[in-house]
Amino acid sequence: MKDMQKMMKEAQKMAAEMSKAQAEIAEQRVEGSAGGSAVKVVATGDMNIVSVTLDPDLLTDLEPDDIEMIGDTVTAAVNDALEKARALQQEAMGPLAGGLGGLGL
């Protein structure tokens, strides 16, 4: 019975640590870019897009085909930012997730 209580206590401690780590990740910011930094996207560690910045030169003398290129560049910058946010999560949460094995889970 003591083993079960110990395991429950460890699980509660782990849950509190994960919750704290998730809150810290949510406060962090990462920046993705594309098109030689013509488009920059800032995302939080919990994968929310905070801002999108376009270089004004990207929007001068636009041709009809440029609209699709700008969309593709924004998409690439968003994906870059989200990939960095995922890496941040894995880096921060990896040690905690590894601890679950010690609980027999």
PDB file of N, CA and C in Angstrom:
ATOM      1  N   MET A   1       0.822  -1.201   0.000  1.00  0.00           N
ATOM      2  CA  MET A   1       0.000   0.000   0.000  1.00  0.00           C
ATOM      3  C   MET A   1       0.864   1.262   0.000  1.00  0.00           C
ATOM      4  N   LYS A   2       1.997   1.200   0.717  1.00  0.00           N
ATOM      5  CA  LYS A   2       2.882   2.363   0.746  1.00  0.00           C
ATOM      6  C   LYS A   2       3.455   2.646  -0.636  1.00  0.00           C
ATOM      7  N   ASP A   3       3.712   1.577  -1.400  1.00  0.00           N
ATOM      8  CA  ASP A   3       4.222   1.771  -2.757  1.00  0.00           C
ATOM      9  C   ASP A   3       3.218   2.535  -3.611  1.00  0.00           C
ATOM     10  N   MET A   4       1.937   2.226  -3.441  1.00  0.00           N
ATOM     11  CA  MET A   4       0.891   2.911  -4.202  1.00  0.00           C
ATOM     12  C   MET A   4       0.831   4.382  -3.797  1.00  0.00           C
ATOM     13  N   GLN A   5       0.931   4.667  -2.515  1.00  0.00           N
ATOM     14  CA  GLN A   5       0.908   6.055  -2.045  1.00  0.00           C
ATOM     15  C   GLN A   5       2.124   6.813  -2.573  1.00  0.00           C
ATOM     16  N   LYS A   6       3.255   6.163  -2.550  1.00  0.00           N
ATOM     17  CA  LYS A   6       4.476   6.789  -3.060  1.00  0.00           C
ATOM     18  C   LYS A   6       4.336   7.082  -4.552  1.00  0.00           C
ATOM     19  N   MET A   7       3.781   6.129  -5.289  1.00  0.00           N
ATOM     20  CA  MET A   7       3.597   6.318  -6.717  1.00  0.00           C
ATOM     21  C   MET A   7       2.610   7.455  -6.996  1.00  0.00           C
ATOM     22  N   MET A   8       1.556   7.553  -6.218  1.00  0.00           N
ATOM     23  CA  MET A   8       0.579   8.636  -6.389  1.00  0.00           C
ATOM     24  C   MET A   8       1.220   9.988  -6.085  1.00  0.00           C
ATOM     25  N   LYS A   9       2.031  10.030  -5.058  1.00  0.00           N
ATOM     26  CA  LYS A   9       2.715  11.269  -4.692  1.00  0.00           C
ATOM     27  C   LYS A   9       3.668  11.702  -5.807  1.00  0.00           C
ATOM     28  N   GLU A  10       4.386  10.733  -6.372  1.00  0.00           N
ATOM     29  CA  GLU A  10       5.302  11.021  -7.470  1.00  0.00           C
ATOM     30  C   GLU A  10       4.529  11.508  -8.697  1.00  0.00           C
ATOM     31  N   ALA A  11       3.390  10.894  -8.971  1.00  0.00           N
ATOM     32  CA  ALA A  11       2.570  11.298 -10.118  1.00  0.00           C
ATOM     33  C   ALA A  11       2.066  12.727  -9.934  1.00  0.00           C
ATOM     34  N   GLN A  12       1.656  13.079  -8.735  1.00  0.00           N
ATOM     35  CA  GLN A  12       1.197  14.436  -8.457  1.00  0.00           C
ATOM     36  C   GLN A  12       2.332  15.437  -8.611  1.00  0.00           C
ATOM     37  N   LYS A  13       3.498  15.073  -8.137  1.00  0.00           N
ATOM     38  CA  LYS A  13       4.671  15.941  -8.267  1.00  0.00           C
ATOM     39  C   LYS A  13       5.006  16.142  -9.748  1.00  0.00           C
ATOM     40  N   MET A  14       4.977  15.053 -10.510  1.00  0.00           N
ATOM     41  CA  MET A  14       5.274  15.128 -11.939  1.00  0.00           C
ATOM     42  C   MET A  14       4.247  16.008 -12.658  1.00  0.00           C
ATOM     43  N   ALA A  15       2.969  15.868 -12.291  1.00  0.00           N
ATOM     44  CA  ALA A  15       1.920  16.681 -12.912  1.00  0.00           C
ATOM     45  C   ALA A  15       2.146  18.156 -12.613  1.00  0.00           C
ATOM     46  N   ALA A  16       2.540  18.480 -11.402  1.00  0.00           N
ATOM     47  CA  ALA A  16       2.807  19.874 -11.041  1.00  0.00           C
ATOM     48  C   ALA A  16       3.998  20.413 -11.819  1.00  0.00           C
ATOM     49  N   GLU A  17       5.043  19.600 -11.973  1.00  0.00           N
ATOM     50  CA  GLU A  17       6.223  20.020 -12.736  1.00  0.00           C
ATOM     51  C   GLU A  17       5.876  20.240 -14.207  1.00  0.00           C
ATOM     52  N   MET A  18       5.048  19.359 -14.769  1.00  0.00           N
ATOM     53  CA  MET A  18       4.651  19.503 -16.172  1.00  0.00           C
ATOM     54  C   MET A  18       3.807  20.756 -16.369  1.00  0.00           C
ATOM     55  N   SER A  19       2.927  21.009 -15.438  1.00  0.00           N
ATOM     56  CA  SER A  19       2.083  22.201 -15.521  1.00  0.00           C
ATOM     57  C   SER A  19       2.940  23.466 -15.469  1.00  0.00           C
ATOM     58  N   LYS A  20       3.912  23.477 -14.590  1.00  0.00           N
ATOM     59  CA  LYS A  20       4.815  24.622 -14.475  1.00  0.00           C
ATOM     60  C   LYS A  20       5.627  24.792 -15.764  1.00  0.00           C
ATOM     61  N   ALA A  21       6.129  23.689 -16.295  1.00  0.00           N
ATOM     62  CA  ALA A  21       6.919  23.752 -17.527  1.00  0.00           C
ATOM     63  C   ALA A  21       6.065  24.255 -18.693  1.00  0.00           C
ATOM     64  N   GLN A  22       4.813  23.806 -18.776  1.00  0.00           N
ATOM     65  CA  GLN A  22       3.929  24.264 -19.845  1.00  0.00           C
ATOM     66  C   GLN A  22       3.674  25.763 -19.738  1.00  0.00           C
ATOM     67  N   ALA A  23       3.495  26.265 -18.520  1.00  0.00           N
ATOM     68  CA  ALA A  23       3.275  27.701 -18.333  1.00  0.00           C
ATOM     69  C   ALA A  23       4.510  28.491 -18.754  1.00  0.00           C
ATOM     70  N   GLU A  24       5.691  27.981 -18.415  1.00  0.00           N
ATOM     71  CA  GLU A  24       6.926  28.658 -18.802  1.00  0.00           C
ATOM     72  C   GLU A  24       7.106  28.643 -20.323  1.00  0.00           C
ATOM     73  N   ILE A  25       6.774  27.531 -20.955  1.00  0.00           N
ATOM     74  CA  ILE A  25       6.876  27.431 -22.413  1.00  0.00           C
ATOM     75  C   ILE A  25       5.947  28.441 -23.075  1.00  0.00           C
ATOM     76  N   ALA A  26       4.741  28.570 -22.556  1.00  0.00           N
ATOM     77  CA  ALA A  26       3.747  29.474 -23.143  1.00  0.00           C
ATOM     78  C   ALA A  26       4.226  30.921 -23.145  1.00  0.00           C
ATOM     79  N   GLU A  27       5.084  31.272 -22.205  1.00  0.00           N
ATOM     80  CA  GLU A  27       5.587  32.645 -22.106  1.00  0.00           C
ATOM     81  C   GLU A  27       6.752  32.908 -23.054  1.00  0.00           C
ATOM     82  N   GLN A  28       7.402  31.870 -23.547  1.00  0.00           N
ATOM     83  CA  GLN A  28       8.560  32.049 -24.410  1.00  0.00           C
ATOM     84  C   GLN A  28       8.126  32.364 -25.838  1.00  0.00           C
ATOM     85  N   ARG A  29       8.995  33.037 -26.553  1.00  0.00           N
ATOM     86  CA  ARG A  29       8.724  33.427 -27.937  1.00  0.00           C
ATOM     87  C   ARG A  29       9.806  32.856 -28.847  1.00  0.00           C
ATOM     88  N   VAL A  30       9.388  32.456 -30.046  1.00  0.00           N
ATOM     89  CA  VAL A  30      10.321  32.024 -31.086  1.00  0.00           C
ATOM     90  C   VAL A  30       9.985  32.796 -32.346  1.00  0.00           C
ATOM     91  N   GLU A  31      10.978  32.977 -33.203  1.00  0.00           N
ATOM     92  CA  GLU A  31      10.762  33.697 -34.453  1.00  0.00           C
ATOM     93  C   GLU A  31      11.104  32.801 -35.628  1.00  0.00           C
ATOM     94  N   GLY A  32      10.191  32.750 -36.569  1.00  0.00           N
ATOM     95  CA  GLY A  32      10.434  32.051 -37.821  1.00  0.00           C
ATOM     96  C   GLY A  32      10.526  33.076 -38.932  1.00  0.00           C
ATOM     97  N   SER A  33      11.213  32.728 -39.995  1.00  0.00           N
ATOM     98  CA  SER A  33      11.327  33.666 -41.115  1.00  0.00           C
ATOM     99  C   SER A  33      11.416  32.898 -42.415  1.00  0.00           C
ATOM    100  N   ALA A  34      11.158  33.629 -43.490  1.00  0.00           N
ATOM    101  CA  ALA A  34      11.254  33.050 -44.838  1.00  0.00           C
ATOM    102  C   ALA A  34      11.514  34.171 -45.817  1.00  0.00           C
ATOM    103  N   GLY A  35      11.916  33.799 -47.004  1.00  0.00           N
ATOM    104  CA  GLY A  35      12.172  34.795 -48.042  1.00  0.00           C
ATOM    105  C   GLY A  35      13.305  35.718 -47.684  1.00  0.00           C
ATOM    106  N   GLY A  36      14.383  35.158 -47.117  1.00  0.00           N
ATOM    107  CA  GLY A  36      15.505  36.001 -46.719  1.00  0.00           C
ATOM    108  C   GLY A  36      15.102  37.001 -45.649  1.00  0.00           C
ATOM    109  N   SER A  37      14.237  36.575 -44.747  1.00  0.00           N
ATOM    110  CA  SER A  37      13.713  37.403 -43.643  1.00  0.00           C
ATOM    111  C   SER A  37      12.753  38.489 -44.122  1.00  0.00           C
ATOM    112  N   ALA A  38      12.219  38.338 -45.332  1.00  0.00           N
ATOM    113  CA  ALA A  38      11.214  39.291 -45.817  1.00  0.00           C
ATOM    114  C   ALA A  38       9.910  39.133 -45.045  1.00  0.00           C
ATOM    115  N   VAL A  39       9.692  37.922 -44.519  1.00  0.00           N
ATOM    116  CA  VAL A  39       8.530  37.657 -43.677  1.00  0.00           C
ATOM    117  C   VAL A  39       9.042  37.075 -42.370  1.00  0.00           C
ATOM    118  N   LYS A  40       8.620  37.662 -41.266  1.00  0.00           N
ATOM    119  CA  LYS A  40       8.983  37.171 -39.938  1.00  0.00           C
ATOM    120  C   LYS A  40       7.708  36.902 -39.158  1.00  0.00           C
ATOM    121  N   VAL A  41       7.692  35.765 -38.465  1.00  0.00           N
ATOM    122  CA  VAL A  41       6.539  35.366 -37.667  1.00  0.00           C
ATOM    123  C   VAL A  41       7.028  35.068 -36.263  1.00  0.00           C
ATOM    124  N   VAL A  42       6.338  35.621 -35.277  1.00  0.00           N
ATOM    125  CA  VAL A  42       6.645  35.344 -33.881  1.00  0.00           C
ATOM    126  C   VAL A  42       5.528  34.466 -33.330  1.00  0.00           C
ATOM    127  N   ALA A  43       5.932  33.382 -32.660  1.00  0.00           N
ATOM    128  CA  ALA A  43       4.984  32.463 -32.042  1.00  0.00           C
ATOM    129  C   ALA A  43       5.376  32.230 -30.596  1.00  0.00           C
ATOM    130  N   THR A  44       4.396  31.868 -29.791  1.00  0.00           N
ATOM    131  CA  THR A  44       4.680  31.494 -28.410  1.00  0.00           C
ATOM    132  C   THR A  44       5.087  30.033 -28.375  1.00  0.00           C
ATOM    133  N   GLY A  45       5.647  29.639 -27.268  1.00  0.00           N
ATOM    134  CA  GLY A  45       6.052  28.248 -27.106  1.00  0.00           C
ATOM    135  C   GLY A  45       4.883  27.283 -27.119  1.00  0.00           C
ATOM    136  N   ASP A  46       3.671  27.784 -26.861  1.00  0.00           N
ATOM    137  CA  ASP A  46       2.497  26.910 -26.938  1.00  0.00           C
ATOM    138  C   ASP A  46       1.787  27.042 -28.283  1.00  0.00           C
ATOM    139  N   MET A  47       2.550  27.490 -29.282  1.00  0.00           N
ATOM    140  CA  MET A  47       2.156  27.491 -30.691  1.00  0.00           C
ATOM    141  C   MET A  47       1.039  28.458 -31.058  1.00  0.00           C
ATOM    142  N   ASN A  48       1.017  29.609 -30.452  1.00  0.00           N
ATOM    143  CA  ASN A  48       0.107  30.673 -30.870  1.00  0.00           C
ATOM    144  C   ASN A  48       0.908  31.710 -31.640  1.00  0.00           C
ATOM    145  N   ILE A  49       0.394  32.129 -32.786  1.00  0.00           N
ATOM    146  CA  ILE A  49       1.060  33.147 -33.581  1.00  0.00           C
ATOM    147  C   ILE A  49       0.792  34.502 -32.935  1.00  0.00           C
ATOM    148  N   VAL A  50       1.856  35.241 -32.647  1.00  0.00           N
ATOM    149  CA  VAL A  50       1.757  36.537 -31.986  1.00  0.00           C
ATOM    150  C   VAL A  50       1.781  37.668 -33.005  1.00  0.00           C
ATOM    151  N   SER A  51       2.657  37.543 -34.005  1.00  0.00           N
ATOM    152  CA  SER A  51       2.755  38.613 -34.997  1.00  0.00           C
ATOM    153  C   SER A  51       3.324  38.093 -36.312  1.00  0.00           C
ATOM    154  N   VAL A  52       2.984  38.808 -37.372  1.00  0.00           N
ATOM    155  CA  VAL A  52       3.532  38.563 -38.702  1.00  0.00           C
ATOM    156  C   VAL A  52       4.017  39.916 -39.214  1.00  0.00           C
ATOM    157  N   THR A  53       5.288  39.982 -39.608  1.00  0.00           N
ATOM    158  CA  THR A  53       5.868  41.227 -40.098  1.00  0.00           C
ATOM    159  C   THR A  53       6.348  41.015 -41.525  1.00  0.00           C
ATOM    160  N   LEU A  54       5.932  41.921 -42.411  1.00  0.00           N
ATOM    161  CA  LEU A  54       6.349  41.861 -43.806  1.00  0.00           C
ATOM    162  C   LEU A  54       7.292  43.020 -44.091  1.00  0.00           C
ATOM    163  N   ASP A  55       8.383  42.720 -44.793  1.00  0.00           N
ATOM    164  CA  ASP A  55       9.293  43.770 -45.248  1.00  0.00           C
ATOM    165  C   ASP A  55       8.541  44.602 -46.281  1.00  0.00           C
ATOM    166  N   PRO A  56       8.501  45.926 -46.125  1.00  0.00           N
ATOM    167  CA  PRO A  56       7.766  46.766 -47.088  1.00  0.00           C
ATOM    168  C   PRO A  56       8.209  46.560 -48.535  1.00  0.00           C
ATOM    169  N   ASP A  57       9.472  46.231 -48.753  1.00  0.00           N
ATOM    170  CA  ASP A  57       9.958  45.994 -50.118  1.00  0.00           C
ATOM    171  C   ASP A  57       9.238  44.817 -50.779  1.00  0.00           C
ATOM    172  N   LEU A  58       8.748  43.896 -49.956  1.00  0.00           N
ATOM    173  CA  LEU A  58       8.030  42.738 -50.480  1.00  0.00           C
ATOM    174  C   LEU A  58       6.727  43.156 -51.162  1.00  0.00           C
ATOM    175  N   LEU A  59       6.197  44.300 -50.758  1.00  0.00           N
ATOM    176  CA  LEU A  59       4.888  44.733 -51.240  1.00  0.00           C
ATOM    177  C   LEU A  59       4.941  45.818 -52.310  1.00  0.00           C
ATOM    178  N   THR A  60       6.120  46.178 -52.763  1.00  0.00           N
ATOM    179  CA  THR A  60       6.227  47.225 -53.789  1.00  0.00           C
ATOM    180  C   THR A  60       6.198  46.614 -55.178  1.00  0.00           C
ATOM    181  N   ASP A  61       5.582  47.327 -56.083  1.00  0.00           N
ATOM    182  CA  ASP A  61       5.517  46.920 -57.499  1.00  0.00           C
ATOM    183  C   ASP A  61       5.054  45.474 -57.664  1.00  0.00           C
ATOM    184  N   LEU A  62       3.930  45.155 -57.071  1.00  0.00           N
ATOM    185  CA  LEU A  62       3.428  43.777 -57.119  1.00  0.00           C
ATOM    186  C   LEU A  62       2.881  43.413 -58.496  1.00  0.00           C
ATOM    187  N   GLU A  63       3.192  42.231 -58.907  1.00  0.00           N
ATOM    188  CA  GLU A  63       2.627  41.602 -60.096  1.00  0.00           C
ATOM    189  C   GLU A  63       1.587  40.598 -59.600  1.00  0.00           C
ATOM    190  N   PRO A  64       0.638  40.220 -60.430  1.00  0.00           N
ATOM    191  CA  PRO A  64      -0.383  39.247 -59.991  1.00  0.00           C
ATOM    192  C   PRO A  64       0.218  37.950 -59.428  1.00  0.00           C
ATOM    193  N   ASP A  65       1.305  37.463 -60.011  1.00  0.00           N
ATOM    194  CA  ASP A  65       1.931  36.232 -59.512  1.00  0.00           C
ATOM    195  C   ASP A  65       2.586  36.423 -58.151  1.00  0.00           C
ATOM    196  N   ASP A  66       2.886  37.666 -57.798  1.00  0.00           N
ATOM    197  CA  ASP A  66       3.544  37.940 -56.522  1.00  0.00           C
ATOM    198  C   ASP A  66       2.636  37.641 -55.333  1.00  0.00           C
ATOM    199  N   ILE A  67       1.336  37.763 -55.501  1.00  0.00           N
ATOM    200  CA  ILE A  67       0.406  37.510 -54.403  1.00  0.00           C
ATOM    201  C   ILE A  67       0.546  36.065 -53.926  1.00  0.00           C
ATOM    202  N   GLU A  68       0.601  35.127 -54.848  1.00  0.00           N
ATOM    203  CA  GLU A  68       0.771  33.722 -54.470  1.00  0.00           C
ATOM    204  C   GLU A  68       2.122  33.507 -53.792  1.00  0.00           C
ATOM    205  N   MET A  69       3.170  34.145 -54.316  1.00  0.00           N
ATOM    206  CA  MET A  69       4.506  34.017 -53.729  1.00  0.00           C
ATOM    207  C   MET A  69       4.523  34.564 -52.306  1.00  0.00           C
ATOM    208  N   ILE A  70       3.848  35.678 -52.072  1.00  0.00           N
ATOM    209  CA  ILE A  70       3.799  36.254 -50.719  1.00  0.00           C
ATOM    210  C   ILE A  70       3.065  35.299 -49.778  1.00  0.00           C
ATOM    211  N   GLY A  71       1.963  34.736 -50.253  1.00  0.00           N
ATOM    212  CA  GLY A  71       1.242  33.752 -49.437  1.00  0.00           C
ATOM    213  C   GLY A  71       2.110  32.561 -49.094  1.00  0.00           C
ATOM    214  N   ASP A  72       2.851  32.061 -50.067  1.00  0.00           N
ATOM    215  CA  ASP A  72       3.749  30.934 -49.833  1.00  0.00           C
ATOM    216  C   ASP A  72       4.845  31.301 -48.840  1.00  0.00           C
ATOM    217  N   THR A  73       5.345  32.516 -48.935  1.00  0.00           N
ATOM    218  CA  THR A  73       6.406  32.966 -48.033  1.00  0.00           C
ATOM    219  C   THR A  73       5.877  33.106 -46.606  1.00  0.00           C
ATOM    220  N   VAL A  74       4.670  33.643 -46.450  1.00  0.00           N
ATOM    221  CA  VAL A  74       4.055  33.747 -45.117  1.00  0.00           C
ATOM    222  C   VAL A  74       3.838  32.349 -44.543  1.00  0.00           C
ATOM    223  N   THR A  75       3.339  31.448 -45.367  1.00  0.00           N
ATOM    224  CA  THR A  75       3.126  30.072 -44.908  1.00  0.00           C
ATOM    225  C   THR A  75       4.434  29.437 -44.448  1.00  0.00           C
ATOM    226  N   ALA A  76       5.490  29.633 -45.200  1.00  0.00           N
ATOM    227  CA  ALA A  76       6.799  29.073 -44.831  1.00  0.00           C
ATOM    228  C   ALA A  76       7.300  29.665 -43.520  1.00  0.00           C
ATOM    229  N   ALA A  77       7.099  30.966 -43.321  1.00  0.00           N
ATOM    230  CA  ALA A  77       7.545  31.604 -42.079  1.00  0.00           C
ATOM    231  C   ALA A  77       6.740  31.106 -40.880  1.00  0.00           C
ATOM    232  N   VAL A  78       5.441  30.926 -41.060  1.00  0.00           N
ATOM    233  CA  VAL A  78       4.601  30.393 -39.980  1.00  0.00           C
ATOM    234  C   VAL A  78       5.051  28.980 -39.628  1.00  0.00           C
ATOM    235  N   ASN A  79       5.262  28.160 -40.643  1.00  0.00           N
ATOM    236  CA  ASN A  79       5.723  26.790 -40.387  1.00  0.00           C
ATOM    237  C   ASN A  79       7.072  26.761 -39.696  1.00  0.00           C
ATOM    238  N   ASP A  80       7.966  27.679 -40.057  1.00  0.00           N
ATOM    239  CA  ASP A  80       9.270  27.776 -39.412  1.00  0.00           C
ATOM    240  C   ASP A  80       9.112  28.127 -37.933  1.00  0.00           C
ATOM    241  N   ALA A  81       8.253  29.094 -37.638  1.00  0.00           N
ATOM    242  CA  ALA A  81       8.027  29.489 -36.245  1.00  0.00           C
ATOM    243  C   ALA A  81       7.406  28.349 -35.442  1.00  0.00           C
ATOM    244  N   LEU A  82       6.430  27.664 -36.017  1.00  0.00           N
ATOM    245  CA  LEU A  82       5.783  26.560 -35.305  1.00  0.00           C
ATOM    246  C   LEU A  82       6.734  25.391 -35.084  1.00  0.00           C
ATOM    247  N   GLU A  83       7.621  25.135 -36.041  1.00  0.00           N
ATOM    248  CA  GLU A  83       8.615  24.078 -35.860  1.00  0.00           C
ATOM    249  C   GLU A  83       9.552  24.433 -34.696  1.00  0.00           C
ATOM    250  N   LYS A  84       9.936  25.691 -34.600  1.00  0.00           N
ATOM    251  CA  LYS A  84      10.787  26.119 -33.491  1.00  0.00           C
ATOM    252  C   LYS A  84      10.038  26.020 -32.163  1.00  0.00           C
ATOM    253  N   ALA A  85       8.744  26.298 -32.170  1.00  0.00           N
ATOM    254  CA  ALA A  85       7.935  26.163 -30.952  1.00  0.00           C
ATOM    255  C   ALA A  85       7.853  24.692 -30.540  1.00  0.00           C
ATOM    256  N   ARG A  86       7.678  23.792 -31.516  1.00  0.00           N
ATOM    257  CA  ARG A  86       7.650  22.355 -31.212  1.00  0.00           C
ATOM    258  C   ARG A  86       8.979  21.895 -30.624  1.00  0.00           C
ATOM    259  N   ALA A  87      10.078  22.375 -31.194  1.00  0.00           N
ATOM    260  CA  ALA A  87      11.404  22.017 -30.684  1.00  0.00           C
ATOM    261  C   ALA A  87      11.577  22.526 -29.260  1.00  0.00           C
ATOM    262  N   LEU A  88      11.089  23.730 -28.998  1.00  0.00           N
ATOM    263  CA  LEU A  88      11.152  24.289 -27.651  1.00  0.00           C
ATOM    264  C   LEU A  88      10.375  23.417 -26.675  1.00  0.00           C
ATOM    265  N   GLN A  89       9.193  22.970 -27.078  1.00  0.00           N
ATOM    266  CA  GLN A  89       8.384  22.099 -26.225  1.00  0.00           C
ATOM    267  C   GLN A  89       9.100  20.785 -25.952  1.00  0.00           C
ATOM    268  N   GLN A  90       9.651  20.181 -26.990  1.00  0.00           N
ATOM    269  CA  GLN A  90      10.340  18.902 -26.817  1.00  0.00           C
ATOM    270  C   GLN A  90      11.549  19.051 -25.899  1.00  0.00           C
ATOM    271  N   GLU A  91      12.257  20.141 -26.054  1.00  0.00           N
ATOM    272  CA  GLU A  91      13.435  20.384 -25.227  1.00  0.00           C
ATOM    273  C   GLU A  91      13.035  20.544 -23.760  1.00  0.00           C
ATOM    274  N   ALA A  92      11.965  21.298 -23.512  1.00  0.00           N
ATOM    275  CA  ALA A  92      11.545  21.571 -22.146  1.00  0.00           C
ATOM    276  C   ALA A  92      10.823  20.394 -21.507  1.00  0.00           C
ATOM    277  N   MET A  93      10.019  19.689 -22.289  1.00  0.00           N
ATOM    278  CA  MET A  93       9.188  18.631 -21.726  1.00  0.00           C
ATOM    279  C   MET A  93       9.846  17.259 -21.784  1.00  0.00           C
ATOM    280  N   GLY A  94      10.860  17.096 -22.600  1.00  0.00           N
ATOM    281  CA  GLY A  94      11.511  15.802 -22.749  1.00  0.00           C
ATOM    282  C   GLY A  94      11.954  15.178 -21.444  1.00  0.00           C
ATOM    283  N   PRO A  95      12.668  15.919 -20.597  1.00  0.00           N
ATOM    284  CA  PRO A  95      13.102  15.318 -19.333  1.00  0.00           C
ATOM    285  C   PRO A  95      11.929  14.913 -18.443  1.00  0.00           C
ATOM    286  N   LEU A  96      10.848  15.669 -18.486  1.00  0.00           N
ATOM    287  CA  LEU A  96       9.692  15.330 -17.660  1.00  0.00           C
ATOM    288  C   LEU A  96       8.985  14.094 -18.196  1.00  0.00           C
ATOM    289  N   ALA A  97       8.839  14.017 -19.508  1.00  0.00           N
ATOM    290  CA  ALA A  97       8.183  12.853 -20.106  1.00  0.00           C
ATOM    291  C   ALA A  97       8.997  11.600 -19.855  1.00  0.00           C
ATOM    292  N   GLY A  98      10.317  11.720 -19.851  1.00  0.00           N
ATOM    293  CA  GLY A  98      11.175  10.579 -19.585  1.00  0.00           C
ATOM    294  C   GLY A  98      10.987  10.049 -18.177  1.00  0.00           C
ATOM    295  N   GLY A  99      10.578  10.915 -17.255  1.00  0.00           N
ATOM    296  CA  GLY A  99      10.367  10.517 -15.868  1.00  0.00           C
ATOM    297  C   GLY A  99       9.161   9.632 -15.677  1.00  0.00           C
ATOM    298  N   LEU A 100       8.253   9.584 -16.640  1.00  0.00           N
ATOM    299  CA  LEU A 100       7.066   8.765 -16.501  1.00  0.00           C
ATOM    300  C   LEU A 100       7.401   7.287 -16.455  1.00  0.00           C
ATOM    301  N   GLY A 101       8.493   6.899 -17.087  1.00  0.00           N
ATOM    302  CA  GLY A 101       8.887   5.494 -17.059  1.00  0.00           C
ATOM    303  C   GLY A 101       9.212   5.017 -15.659  1.00  0.00           C
ATOM    304  N   GLY A 102       9.715   5.896 -14.821  1.00  0.00           N
ATOM    305  CA  GLY A 102      10.032   5.537 -13.447  1.00  0.00           C
ATOM    306  C   GLY A 102       8.800   5.288 -12.603  1.00  0.00           C
ATOM    307  N   LEU A 103       7.637   5.699 -13.099  1.00  0.00           N
ATOM    308  CA  LEU A 103       6.393   5.472 -12.376  1.00  0.00           C
ATOM    309  C   LEU A 103       5.721   4.182 -12.835  1.00  0.00           C
ATOM    310  N   GLY A 104       6.357   3.491 -13.744  1.00  0.00           N
ATOM    311  CA  GLY A 104       5.761   2.258 -14.254  1.00  0.00           C
ATOM    312  C   GLY A 104       4.692   2.533 -15.289  1.00  0.00           C
ATOM    313  N   LEU A 105       4.702   3.754 -15.879  1.00  0.00           N
ATOM    314  CA  LEU A 105       3.682   4.102 -16.874  1.00  0.00           C
ATOM    315  C   LEU A 105       4.225   3.951 -18.271  1.00  0.00           C
TER     316      LEU A 105
END
